[in-house]
Structures are given as C-alpha cells and as structure tokens.
Amino acid sequence: MDRLIIRRTPWRPFGLALIALPVLAVAYDFASGGRLLGSLGEILYRNGEVEAFEVRDVFWVALYLIAGVLSVIWGVKELAIPRPVVVADDEGLHVLLRGPFLPASFLGWSDFDDARAGTVDLVGESRPALVLTVVSRSRLPGDPWGARWTSDHTLAVDTTGWDRPAATAGADLTQKARAVRLAHRAPPLS
C-alpha cells in the first residue's frame, strides 16, 4: 500500500534562513576588517573614533557565524527536502515526538484508535492539533516534543506549520488505518 506522508511546510525554516543572512553579513564584515561596521561606527560616534573591539566581540562574531551558517543550511535543506512529521505505512504511524534530531516514535495500527482535529495548549497558547486516540501509549514518550497528553489515551500533536490542516490530517490517517485494517482483516475502528 501507499505511504501517507505529512511534512512541515518548508517556508518557515527558509524564512529563518533568510533572516540569518544579515547576521552572516555583519559577522563576515567584522571578521574581514569591518568596513561596514567601521562606517556605521563613524556615523554613531560623533568624534569619529570607534571603540576598540574586545575579545568578547570575537566570541560573538564566531557565534553569529556558526548560528548563521547552520540556519542557512537548515533552511535550504528544509526547502529542498522537508522532514516528515508523520508517516503512515502498512505497519503503523511514525510520529516525531522525541525531538527534532531523534528518530520518530512508532505506533502500530493495533495501538491506534482514532485521529481528529482539536487544539493543544503549548506555552500558554492554544494551537491547532492532531488529536490521536491510542489503545496503548507504551511505545510513545511520556513527555512528547511538540505534543501533550490530554488523558491516558489521548495525545494532542501541534500541527502549526504542517503542510495540511489538522482536520485533513486526521481524516487521512483514519482512512489509512481503515484501509490497512481492511487489508489485514483486523477489527474495524469504532
């Protein structure tokens, strides 16, 4: 059967990469002699003397260079090949719940009950969510990344920035679960 893949929209990380470009320009300018910063300093200081840069300034430039380069690489990578947040195949669901750089959590179809749209409260803000009802949460993390357990068997996953709305994602996952169960003659969903 076909795999259902839900990804993050690539425009948000790419936008952050674009914001990182001026940071890279300033860091490069400082590292290469400070022509731009020197001109800016002459405007800011009336007597024309710019304060000398200190060792801590070199640290900040290095930090800006590293952060800027990593942001640009990540943004371009996400634009070219966005990472899936949910993959539904014949075995079950693979959902990013452990963190951005860790493998996806697996939830077999026998542990899956339902998926629907809802909301989740993250950092005091109500956000759209994919609400997963599970039979057993033993394979899923107790403190998931980008999601909250709302009851013993209900997990609300933040869908901000996904390539489809939570209602569409829930309907697609439920339809995929029904198709897999029909193909394997598993008990139907309630």
N, C-alpha and C. Protein backbone atom coordinates (compact mmCIF):
# COMPACT_ATOMS: atom_id res chain seq x y z
N MET A 1 0.82 -1.18 0.00
CA MET A 1 0.00 0.00 0.00
C MET A 1 0.86 1.25 0.00
N ASP A 2 0.25 2.36 -0.33
CA ASP A 2 0.95 3.64 -0.36
C ASP A 2 1.18 4.16 1.05
N ARG A 3 2.25 4.92 1.17
CA ARG A 3 2.53 5.58 2.45
C ARG A 3 1.90 6.96 2.45
N LEU A 4 1.38 7.34 3.60
CA LEU A 4 0.85 8.69 3.79
C LEU A 4 1.94 9.48 4.52
N ILE A 5 2.37 10.57 3.91
CA ILE A 5 3.45 11.38 4.49
C ILE A 5 2.94 12.79 4.73
N ILE A 6 3.07 13.24 5.97
CA ILE A 6 2.72 14.60 6.35
C ILE A 6 4.02 15.30 6.73
N ARG A 7 4.25 16.45 6.10
CA ARG A 7 5.51 17.18 6.32
C ARG A 7 5.23 18.56 6.90
N ARG A 8 6.27 19.18 7.40
CA ARG A 8 6.19 20.59 7.77
C ARG A 8 6.29 21.41 6.50
N THR A 9 5.63 22.54 6.48
CA THR A 9 5.80 23.43 5.35
C THR A 9 7.23 23.96 5.36
N PRO A 10 7.90 24.01 4.22
CA PRO A 10 9.31 24.40 4.21
C PRO A 10 9.54 25.91 4.32
N TRP A 11 8.51 26.72 4.26
CA TRP A 11 8.70 28.17 4.19
C TRP A 11 9.14 28.79 5.52
N ARG A 12 8.74 28.21 6.63
CA ARG A 12 9.12 28.78 7.92
C ARG A 12 10.63 28.67 8.16
N PRO A 13 11.23 27.47 8.01
CA PRO A 13 12.69 27.40 8.19
C PRO A 13 13.45 28.20 7.13
N PHE A 14 12.91 28.25 5.92
CA PHE A 14 13.57 29.03 4.88
C PHE A 14 13.52 30.52 5.21
N GLY A 15 12.40 30.98 5.78
CA GLY A 15 12.31 32.37 6.22
C GLY A 15 13.31 32.68 7.31
N LEU A 16 13.50 31.75 8.24
CA LEU A 16 14.52 31.94 9.29
C LEU A 16 15.92 31.98 8.69
N ALA A 17 16.14 31.20 7.64
CA ALA A 17 17.44 31.23 6.97
C ALA A 17 17.66 32.58 6.30
N LEU A 18 16.62 33.16 5.74
CA LEU A 18 16.76 34.48 5.12
C LEU A 18 17.06 35.55 6.18
N ILE A 19 16.46 35.40 7.36
CA ILE A 19 16.74 36.34 8.45
C ILE A 19 18.19 36.20 8.91
N ALA A 20 18.75 35.00 8.80
CA ALA A 20 20.13 34.76 9.23
C ALA A 20 21.15 35.39 8.29
N LEU A 21 20.76 35.71 7.05
CA LEU A 21 21.72 36.27 6.10
C LEU A 21 22.32 37.60 6.55
N PRO A 22 21.53 38.56 7.07
CA PRO A 22 22.16 39.78 7.58
C PRO A 22 23.11 39.53 8.76
N VAL A 23 22.77 38.58 9.59
CA VAL A 23 23.66 38.23 10.71
C VAL A 23 25.00 37.73 10.16
N LEU A 24 24.93 36.89 9.13
CA LEU A 24 26.15 36.39 8.50
C LEU A 24 26.95 37.54 7.87
N ALA A 25 26.25 38.48 7.24
CA ALA A 25 26.93 39.61 6.60
C ALA A 25 27.69 40.45 7.62
N VAL A 26 27.05 40.73 8.75
CA VAL A 26 27.71 41.53 9.79
C VAL A 26 28.89 40.76 10.38
N ALA A 27 28.72 39.47 10.63
CA ALA A 27 29.81 38.68 11.19
C ALA A 27 30.98 38.60 10.21
N TYR A 28 30.67 38.41 8.94
CA TYR A 28 31.73 38.37 7.93
C TYR A 28 32.44 39.72 7.84
N ASP A 29 31.68 40.80 7.89
CA ASP A 29 32.27 42.13 7.84
C ASP A 29 33.23 42.35 9.00
N PHE A 30 32.82 41.95 10.17
CA PHE A 30 33.68 42.12 11.34
C PHE A 30 34.95 41.28 11.19
N ALA A 31 34.77 40.03 10.73
CA ALA A 31 35.91 39.13 10.61
C ALA A 31 36.88 39.58 9.51
N SER A 32 36.40 40.32 8.52
CA SER A 32 37.25 40.72 7.40
C SER A 32 37.74 42.17 7.47
N GLY A 33 37.63 42.80 8.59
CA GLY A 33 38.19 44.13 8.72
C GLY A 33 37.20 45.22 9.10
N GLY A 34 35.94 44.97 8.99
CA GLY A 34 34.94 45.89 9.49
C GLY A 34 34.67 47.12 8.67
N ARG A 35 34.62 47.01 7.36
CA ARG A 35 34.32 48.19 6.55
C ARG A 35 32.92 48.72 6.83
N LEU A 36 31.93 47.82 6.84
CA LEU A 36 30.55 48.24 7.11
C LEU A 36 30.40 48.71 8.55
N LEU A 37 30.94 47.94 9.48
CA LEU A 37 30.84 48.32 10.88
C LEU A 37 31.64 49.59 11.15
N GLY A 38 32.77 49.78 10.46
CA GLY A 38 33.56 51.00 10.64
C GLY A 38 32.79 52.22 10.17
N SER A 39 32.13 52.13 9.03
CA SER A 39 31.32 53.24 8.51
C SER A 39 30.16 53.54 9.44
N LEU A 40 29.54 52.50 9.94
CA LEU A 40 28.43 52.67 10.88
C LEU A 40 28.92 53.31 12.17
N GLY A 41 30.10 52.91 12.63
CA GLY A 41 30.68 53.48 13.84
C GLY A 41 30.99 54.95 13.70
N GLU A 42 31.45 55.37 12.51
CA GLU A 42 31.72 56.79 12.28
C GLU A 42 30.45 57.62 12.35
N ILE A 43 29.35 57.04 11.92
CA ILE A 43 28.07 57.74 11.99
C ILE A 43 27.58 57.83 13.43
N LEU A 44 27.73 56.73 14.18
CA LEU A 44 27.22 56.66 15.55
C LEU A 44 28.05 57.48 16.53
N TYR A 45 29.37 57.52 16.33
CA TYR A 45 30.25 58.25 17.25
C TYR A 45 30.63 59.58 16.60
N ARG A 46 30.31 60.66 17.26
CA ARG A 46 30.48 62.00 16.66
C ARG A 46 31.94 62.36 16.44
N ASN A 47 32.81 61.88 17.30
CA ASN A 47 34.21 62.26 17.14
C ASN A 47 34.94 61.38 16.12
N GLY A 48 34.24 60.38 15.55
CA GLY A 48 34.84 59.55 14.52
C GLY A 48 35.65 58.39 15.04
N GLU A 49 35.87 58.34 16.36
CA GLU A 49 36.64 57.24 16.92
C GLU A 49 35.71 56.13 17.38
N VAL A 50 35.92 54.97 16.81
CA VAL A 50 35.13 53.79 17.16
C VAL A 50 35.84 53.08 18.30
N GLU A 51 35.07 52.64 19.29
CA GLU A 51 35.67 51.90 20.39
C GLU A 51 36.33 50.63 19.86
N ALA A 52 37.44 50.26 20.46
CA ALA A 52 38.16 49.07 20.03
C ALA A 52 37.34 47.81 20.34
N PHE A 53 37.44 46.85 19.44
CA PHE A 53 36.76 45.58 19.67
C PHE A 53 37.55 44.77 20.68
N GLU A 54 36.83 44.05 21.51
CA GLU A 54 37.46 43.26 22.55
C GLU A 54 37.34 41.78 22.23
N VAL A 55 37.95 40.97 23.08
CA VAL A 55 37.95 39.52 22.88
C VAL A 55 36.52 38.97 22.87
N ARG A 56 35.66 39.50 23.71
CA ARG A 56 34.28 39.02 23.75
C ARG A 56 33.56 39.29 22.43
N ASP A 57 33.97 40.36 21.72
CA ASP A 57 33.37 40.65 20.42
C ASP A 57 33.71 39.56 19.41
N VAL A 58 34.94 39.06 19.48
CA VAL A 58 35.35 37.97 18.59
C VAL A 58 34.53 36.72 18.90
N PHE A 59 34.27 36.46 20.16
CA PHE A 59 33.41 35.32 20.54
C PHE A 59 32.03 35.46 19.91
N TRP A 60 31.44 36.66 20.01
CA TRP A 60 30.10 36.88 19.45
C TRP A 60 30.09 36.73 17.93
N VAL A 61 31.13 37.20 17.29
CA VAL A 61 31.23 37.05 15.83
C VAL A 61 31.29 35.57 15.46
N ALA A 62 32.09 34.82 16.17
CA ALA A 62 32.18 33.38 15.90
C ALA A 62 30.82 32.71 16.12
N LEU A 63 30.14 33.09 17.19
CA LEU A 63 28.82 32.54 17.47
C LEU A 63 27.82 32.90 16.36
N TYR A 64 27.86 34.16 15.91
CA TYR A 64 26.97 34.60 14.81
C TYR A 64 27.28 33.83 13.53
N LEU A 65 28.55 33.64 13.24
CA LEU A 65 28.92 32.89 12.04
C LEU A 65 28.40 31.46 12.09
N ILE A 66 28.62 30.80 13.21
CA ILE A 66 28.17 29.41 13.34
C ILE A 66 26.65 29.32 13.27
N ALA A 67 25.96 30.16 14.04
CA ALA A 67 24.49 30.13 14.04
C ALA A 67 23.93 30.51 12.66
N GLY A 68 24.52 31.50 12.02
CA GLY A 68 24.05 31.91 10.71
C GLY A 68 24.23 30.83 9.66
N VAL A 69 25.41 30.22 9.62
CA VAL A 69 25.68 29.16 8.65
C VAL A 69 24.75 27.98 8.89
N LEU A 70 24.60 27.56 10.14
CA LEU A 70 23.71 26.43 10.43
C LEU A 70 22.26 26.75 10.07
N SER A 71 21.81 27.98 10.33
CA SER A 71 20.44 28.37 9.99
C SER A 71 20.21 28.35 8.49
N VAL A 72 21.17 28.85 7.74
CA VAL A 72 21.03 28.85 6.28
C VAL A 72 21.04 27.43 5.73
N ILE A 73 21.94 26.59 6.21
CA ILE A 73 21.99 25.20 5.75
C ILE A 73 20.68 24.49 6.08
N TRP A 74 20.19 24.65 7.31
CA TRP A 74 18.94 24.01 7.72
C TRP A 74 17.76 24.52 6.89
N GLY A 75 17.68 25.82 6.66
CA GLY A 75 16.58 26.38 5.89
C GLY A 75 16.56 25.90 4.45
N VAL A 76 17.73 25.86 3.82
CA VAL A 76 17.80 25.38 2.44
C VAL A 76 17.50 23.88 2.38
N LYS A 77 17.99 23.12 3.36
CA LYS A 77 17.70 21.68 3.40
C LYS A 77 16.21 21.43 3.56
N GLU A 78 15.55 22.18 4.46
CA GLU A 78 14.10 22.01 4.66
C GLU A 78 13.30 22.45 3.44
N LEU A 79 13.81 23.42 2.70
CA LEU A 79 13.14 23.84 1.47
C LEU A 79 13.25 22.75 0.41
N ALA A 80 14.43 22.14 0.29
CA ALA A 80 14.65 21.11 -0.72
C ALA A 80 14.05 19.76 -0.31
N ILE A 81 14.26 19.35 0.93
CA ILE A 81 13.80 18.04 1.41
C ILE A 81 13.20 18.21 2.80
N PRO A 82 11.93 18.63 2.90
CA PRO A 82 11.35 18.79 4.24
C PRO A 82 11.21 17.44 4.96
N ARG A 83 11.51 17.45 6.25
CA ARG A 83 11.44 16.22 7.04
C ARG A 83 9.99 15.88 7.36
N PRO A 84 9.60 14.63 7.17
CA PRO A 84 8.22 14.24 7.51
C PRO A 84 8.00 14.29 9.02
N VAL A 85 6.81 14.75 9.44
CA VAL A 85 6.46 14.74 10.85
C VAL A 85 5.60 13.53 11.18
N VAL A 86 4.85 13.04 10.21
CA VAL A 86 4.04 11.83 10.38
C VAL A 86 4.16 11.00 9.10
N VAL A 87 4.46 9.72 9.27
CA VAL A 87 4.46 8.78 8.14
C VAL A 87 3.57 7.61 8.55
N ALA A 88 2.56 7.32 7.72
CA ALA A 88 1.68 6.18 7.96
C ALA A 88 1.93 5.16 6.87
N ASP A 89 2.35 3.97 7.26
CA ASP A 89 2.57 2.89 6.30
C ASP A 89 1.79 1.66 6.73
N ASP A 90 2.07 0.52 6.16
CA ASP A 90 1.31 -0.69 6.48
C ASP A 90 1.50 -1.16 7.92
N GLU A 91 2.63 -0.82 8.54
CA GLU A 91 2.90 -1.26 9.91
C GLU A 91 2.26 -0.35 10.96
N GLY A 92 2.16 0.94 10.68
CA GLY A 92 1.60 1.87 11.66
C GLY A 92 2.03 3.30 11.40
N LEU A 93 2.02 4.09 12.47
CA LEU A 93 2.37 5.51 12.40
C LEU A 93 3.79 5.73 12.93
N HIS A 94 4.51 6.61 12.25
CA HIS A 94 5.81 7.08 12.71
C HIS A 94 5.64 8.58 12.91
N VAL A 95 5.71 9.03 14.18
CA VAL A 95 5.43 10.42 14.51
C VAL A 95 6.64 11.02 15.23
N LEU A 96 7.04 12.24 14.83
CA LEU A 96 8.15 12.92 15.50
C LEU A 96 7.67 13.41 16.86
N LEU A 97 8.03 12.69 17.91
CA LEU A 97 7.63 13.06 19.26
C LEU A 97 8.81 13.09 20.23
N ARG A 98 9.98 12.67 19.81
CA ARG A 98 11.13 12.59 20.71
C ARG A 98 12.03 13.82 20.62
N GLY A 99 11.94 14.58 19.54
CA GLY A 99 12.77 15.76 19.36
C GLY A 99 13.13 15.93 17.91
N PRO A 100 13.71 17.08 17.58
CA PRO A 100 13.97 17.37 16.17
C PRO A 100 15.05 16.51 15.52
N PHE A 101 15.99 15.99 16.29
CA PHE A 101 17.10 15.25 15.71
C PHE A 101 17.07 13.76 16.06
N LEU A 102 16.00 13.30 16.69
CA LEU A 102 15.88 11.90 17.08
C LEU A 102 14.90 11.19 16.16
N PRO A 103 14.98 9.86 16.09
CA PRO A 103 14.06 9.13 15.20
C PRO A 103 12.61 9.25 15.66
N ALA A 104 11.71 9.03 14.72
CA ALA A 104 10.28 9.13 15.01
C ALA A 104 9.83 8.00 15.93
N SER A 105 8.80 8.28 16.72
CA SER A 105 8.18 7.26 17.58
C SER A 105 7.25 6.42 16.73
N PHE A 106 7.20 5.12 17.01
CA PHE A 106 6.36 4.21 16.23
C PHE A 106 5.12 3.82 17.03
N LEU A 107 3.98 3.85 16.37
CA LEU A 107 2.71 3.42 16.95
C LEU A 107 2.06 2.47 15.96
N GLY A 108 1.99 1.19 16.33
CA GLY A 108 1.38 0.19 15.44
C GLY A 108 -0.11 0.42 15.29
N TRP A 109 -0.68 -0.06 14.19
CA TRP A 109 -2.11 0.12 13.94
C TRP A 109 -2.96 -0.54 15.02
N SER A 110 -2.44 -1.59 15.66
CA SER A 110 -3.21 -2.23 16.73
C SER A 110 -3.31 -1.34 17.97
N ASP A 111 -2.38 -0.38 18.10
CA ASP A 111 -2.40 0.57 19.22
C ASP A 111 -3.11 1.88 18.87
N PHE A 112 -3.50 2.05 17.62
CA PHE A 112 -4.13 3.28 17.14
C PHE A 112 -5.65 3.10 17.14
N ASP A 113 -6.38 4.13 17.64
CA ASP A 113 -7.83 4.05 17.64
C ASP A 113 -8.47 5.09 16.74
N ASP A 114 -8.03 6.37 16.85
CA ASP A 114 -8.70 7.42 16.10
C ASP A 114 -7.78 8.64 15.96
N ALA A 115 -8.07 9.47 14.93
CA ALA A 115 -7.37 10.73 14.74
C ALA A 115 -8.39 11.78 14.32
N ARG A 116 -8.29 12.96 14.94
CA ARG A 116 -9.24 14.04 14.63
C ARG A 116 -8.56 15.37 14.92
N ALA A 117 -9.20 16.44 14.49
CA ALA A 117 -8.68 17.78 14.75
C ALA A 117 -9.08 18.24 16.14
N GLY A 118 -8.25 19.05 16.73
CA GLY A 118 -8.53 19.62 18.04
C GLY A 118 -7.58 20.78 18.30
N THR A 119 -7.38 21.10 19.56
CA THR A 119 -6.42 22.14 19.94
C THR A 119 -5.55 21.61 21.07
N VAL A 120 -4.39 22.23 21.22
CA VAL A 120 -3.48 21.88 22.30
C VAL A 120 -2.94 23.18 22.89
N ASP A 121 -2.76 23.20 24.21
CA ASP A 121 -2.21 24.37 24.89
C ASP A 121 -0.71 24.15 25.07
N LEU A 122 0.07 24.91 24.29
CA LEU A 122 1.53 24.85 24.40
C LEU A 122 2.03 26.22 24.81
N VAL A 123 2.73 26.30 25.91
CA VAL A 123 3.31 27.54 26.41
C VAL A 123 2.25 28.62 26.54
N GLY A 124 1.09 28.26 27.06
CA GLY A 124 0.02 29.21 27.30
C GLY A 124 -0.70 29.69 26.06
N GLU A 125 -0.47 29.04 24.92
CA GLU A 125 -1.09 29.45 23.66
C GLU A 125 -1.84 28.26 23.07
N SER A 126 -3.10 28.48 22.69
CA SER A 126 -3.89 27.41 22.08
C SER A 126 -3.54 27.30 20.60
N ARG A 127 -3.16 26.10 20.18
CA ARG A 127 -2.74 25.88 18.79
C ARG A 127 -3.54 24.74 18.18
N PRO A 128 -3.66 24.72 16.84
CA PRO A 128 -4.35 23.60 16.20
C PRO A 128 -3.55 22.31 16.42
N ALA A 129 -4.28 21.21 16.57
CA ALA A 129 -3.61 19.95 16.89
C ALA A 129 -4.29 18.77 16.20
N LEU A 130 -3.49 17.74 15.99
CA LEU A 130 -3.99 16.44 15.58
C LEU A 130 -4.13 15.63 16.85
N VAL A 131 -5.36 15.25 17.18
CA VAL A 131 -5.63 14.52 18.42
C VAL A 131 -5.66 13.03 18.09
N LEU A 132 -4.69 12.30 18.63
CA LEU A 132 -4.59 10.86 18.41
C LEU A 132 -5.12 10.14 19.64
N THR A 133 -6.06 9.23 19.41
CA THR A 133 -6.54 8.36 20.49
C THR A 133 -5.86 7.02 20.31
N VAL A 134 -5.17 6.57 21.36
CA VAL A 134 -4.39 5.34 21.28
C VAL A 134 -4.91 4.32 22.28
N VAL A 135 -4.73 3.04 21.94
CA VAL A 135 -5.12 1.95 22.84
C VAL A 135 -4.05 1.80 23.92
N SER A 136 -2.78 1.85 23.49
CA SER A 136 -1.67 1.73 24.43
C SER A 136 -0.63 2.79 24.11
N ARG A 137 -0.15 3.47 25.14
CA ARG A 137 0.86 4.50 24.93
C ARG A 137 2.25 4.05 25.34
N SER A 138 2.43 2.75 25.48
CA SER A 138 3.70 2.22 25.99
C SER A 138 4.88 2.52 25.07
N ARG A 139 4.68 2.63 23.77
CA ARG A 139 5.78 2.91 22.84
C ARG A 139 6.01 4.40 22.62
N LEU A 140 5.17 5.24 23.19
CA LEU A 140 5.28 6.68 22.97
C LEU A 140 5.91 7.35 24.19
N PRO A 141 6.62 8.46 23.98
CA PRO A 141 7.28 9.13 25.10
C PRO A 141 6.28 9.73 26.08
N GLY A 142 6.64 9.74 27.35
CA GLY A 142 5.79 10.30 28.39
C GLY A 142 5.70 11.81 28.32
N ASP A 143 6.76 12.47 27.86
CA ASP A 143 6.78 13.92 27.70
C ASP A 143 7.15 14.22 26.25
N PRO A 144 6.18 14.13 25.34
CA PRO A 144 6.49 14.25 23.92
C PRO A 144 6.85 15.68 23.52
N TRP A 145 7.66 15.79 22.48
CA TRP A 145 8.11 17.06 21.94
C TRP A 145 7.04 17.57 20.96
N GLY A 146 6.54 18.79 21.19
CA GLY A 146 5.53 19.37 20.32
C GLY A 146 4.15 18.76 20.47
N ALA A 147 3.90 18.13 21.60
CA ALA A 147 2.61 17.48 21.84
C ALA A 147 2.36 17.40 23.34
N ARG A 148 1.13 17.11 23.71
CA ARG A 148 0.76 16.95 25.13
C ARG A 148 -0.21 15.79 25.27
N TRP A 149 -0.03 15.03 26.33
CA TRP A 149 -1.03 14.02 26.69
C TRP A 149 -2.19 14.75 27.37
N THR A 150 -3.38 14.64 26.81
CA THR A 150 -4.54 15.28 27.42
C THR A 150 -5.33 14.32 28.30
N SER A 151 -5.10 13.03 28.12
CA SER A 151 -5.65 11.99 29.00
C SER A 151 -4.75 10.76 28.85
N ASP A 152 -5.09 9.68 29.52
CA ASP A 152 -4.26 8.48 29.45
C ASP A 152 -4.12 7.91 28.04
N HIS A 153 -5.13 8.13 27.20
CA HIS A 153 -5.12 7.54 25.87
C HIS A 153 -5.27 8.57 24.75
N THR A 154 -5.10 9.85 25.07
CA THR A 154 -5.29 10.90 24.07
C THR A 154 -4.06 11.79 24.01
N LEU A 155 -3.48 11.90 22.81
CA LEU A 155 -2.29 12.71 22.58
C LEU A 155 -2.64 13.79 21.56
N ALA A 156 -2.40 15.06 21.91
CA ALA A 156 -2.65 16.18 21.01
C ALA A 156 -1.30 16.66 20.47
N VAL A 157 -1.10 16.54 19.15
CA VAL A 157 0.16 16.91 18.49
C VAL A 157 -0.03 18.25 17.79
N ASP A 158 0.83 19.20 18.09
CA ASP A 158 0.77 20.54 17.49
C ASP A 158 0.98 20.44 15.98
N THR A 159 0.05 21.00 15.20
CA THR A 159 0.14 20.95 13.73
C THR A 159 0.52 22.30 13.12
N THR A 160 0.98 23.23 13.93
CA THR A 160 1.40 24.52 13.40
C THR A 160 2.55 24.31 12.42
N GLY A 161 2.38 24.82 11.22
CA GLY A 161 3.43 24.69 10.22
C GLY A 161 3.38 23.42 9.40
N TRP A 162 2.36 22.61 9.54
CA TRP A 162 2.25 21.40 8.73
C TRP A 162 1.74 21.74 7.34
N ASP A 163 1.94 20.82 6.40
CA ASP A 163 1.53 21.07 5.02
C ASP A 163 0.03 20.85 4.79
N ARG A 164 -0.70 20.45 5.82
CA ARG A 164 -2.16 20.29 5.72
C ARG A 164 -2.79 20.57 7.07
N PRO A 165 -4.07 21.00 7.08
CA PRO A 165 -4.75 21.27 8.35
C PRO A 165 -4.94 20.00 9.17
N ALA A 166 -5.16 20.18 10.47
CA ALA A 166 -5.32 19.04 11.38
C ALA A 166 -6.52 18.17 10.99
N ALA A 167 -7.62 18.79 10.55
CA ALA A 167 -8.81 18.02 10.18
C ALA A 167 -8.51 17.11 8.99
N THR A 168 -7.79 17.62 8.01
CA THR A 168 -7.42 16.81 6.84
C THR A 168 -6.46 15.70 7.24
N ALA A 169 -5.48 16.02 8.07
CA ALA A 169 -4.52 15.01 8.53
C ALA A 169 -5.22 13.91 9.30
N GLY A 170 -6.15 14.28 10.19
CA GLY A 170 -6.90 13.28 10.96
C GLY A 170 -7.73 12.39 10.07
N ALA A 171 -8.43 12.98 9.09
CA ALA A 171 -9.24 12.18 8.17
C ALA A 171 -8.37 11.25 7.33
N ASP A 172 -7.23 11.76 6.88
CA ASP A 172 -6.32 10.93 6.07
C ASP A 172 -5.77 9.76 6.88
N LEU A 173 -5.40 10.01 8.15
CA LEU A 173 -4.87 8.93 8.99
C LEU A 173 -5.94 7.89 9.32
N THR A 174 -7.15 8.35 9.61
CA THR A 174 -8.23 7.41 9.91
C THR A 174 -8.55 6.57 8.68
N GLN A 175 -8.57 7.19 7.52
CA GLN A 175 -8.83 6.45 6.28
C GLN A 175 -7.72 5.44 6.02
N LYS A 176 -6.46 5.82 6.26
CA LYS A 176 -5.33 4.91 6.09
C LYS A 176 -5.45 3.74 7.06
N ALA A 177 -5.82 4.01 8.31
CA ALA A 177 -5.98 2.94 9.30
C ALA A 177 -7.07 1.96 8.87
N ARG A 178 -8.19 2.47 8.38
CA ARG A 178 -9.27 1.61 7.92
C ARG A 178 -8.84 0.75 6.74
N ALA A 179 -8.10 1.35 5.80
CA ALA A 179 -7.64 0.60 4.63
C ALA A 179 -6.68 -0.52 5.04
N VAL A 180 -5.76 -0.22 5.96
CA VAL A 180 -4.81 -1.24 6.42
C VAL A 180 -5.54 -2.34 7.17
N ARG A 181 -6.48 -1.98 8.03
CA ARG A 181 -7.21 -3.00 8.80
C ARG A 181 -8.08 -3.85 7.88
N LEU A 182 -8.67 -3.24 6.86
CA LEU A 182 -9.47 -3.99 5.91
C LEU A 182 -8.60 -4.97 5.13
N ALA A 183 -7.41 -4.51 4.75
CA ALA A 183 -6.48 -5.37 4.01
C ALA A 183 -5.96 -6.52 4.87
N HIS A 184 -5.82 -6.29 6.16
CA HIS A 184 -5.30 -7.33 7.06
C HIS A 184 -6.40 -7.99 7.88
N ARG A 185 -7.65 -7.62 7.62
CA ARG A 185 -8.81 -8.18 8.33
C ARG A 185 -8.74 -7.99 9.83
N ALA A 186 -8.24 -6.84 10.23
CA ALA A 186 -8.19 -6.51 11.66
C ALA A 186 -9.57 -6.01 12.08
N PRO A 187 -9.86 -5.97 13.37
CA PRO A 187 -11.15 -5.45 13.82
C PRO A 187 -11.33 -4.00 13.38
N PRO A 188 -12.51 -3.58 12.95
CA PRO A 188 -12.72 -2.22 12.46
C PRO A 188 -12.61 -1.19 13.57
N LEU A 189 -12.36 0.05 13.15
CA LEU A 189 -12.32 1.15 14.10
C LEU A 189 -13.73 1.42 14.63
N SER A 190 -13.80 1.91 15.83
CA SER A 190 -15.11 2.22 16.41
C SER A 190 -15.71 3.45 15.79
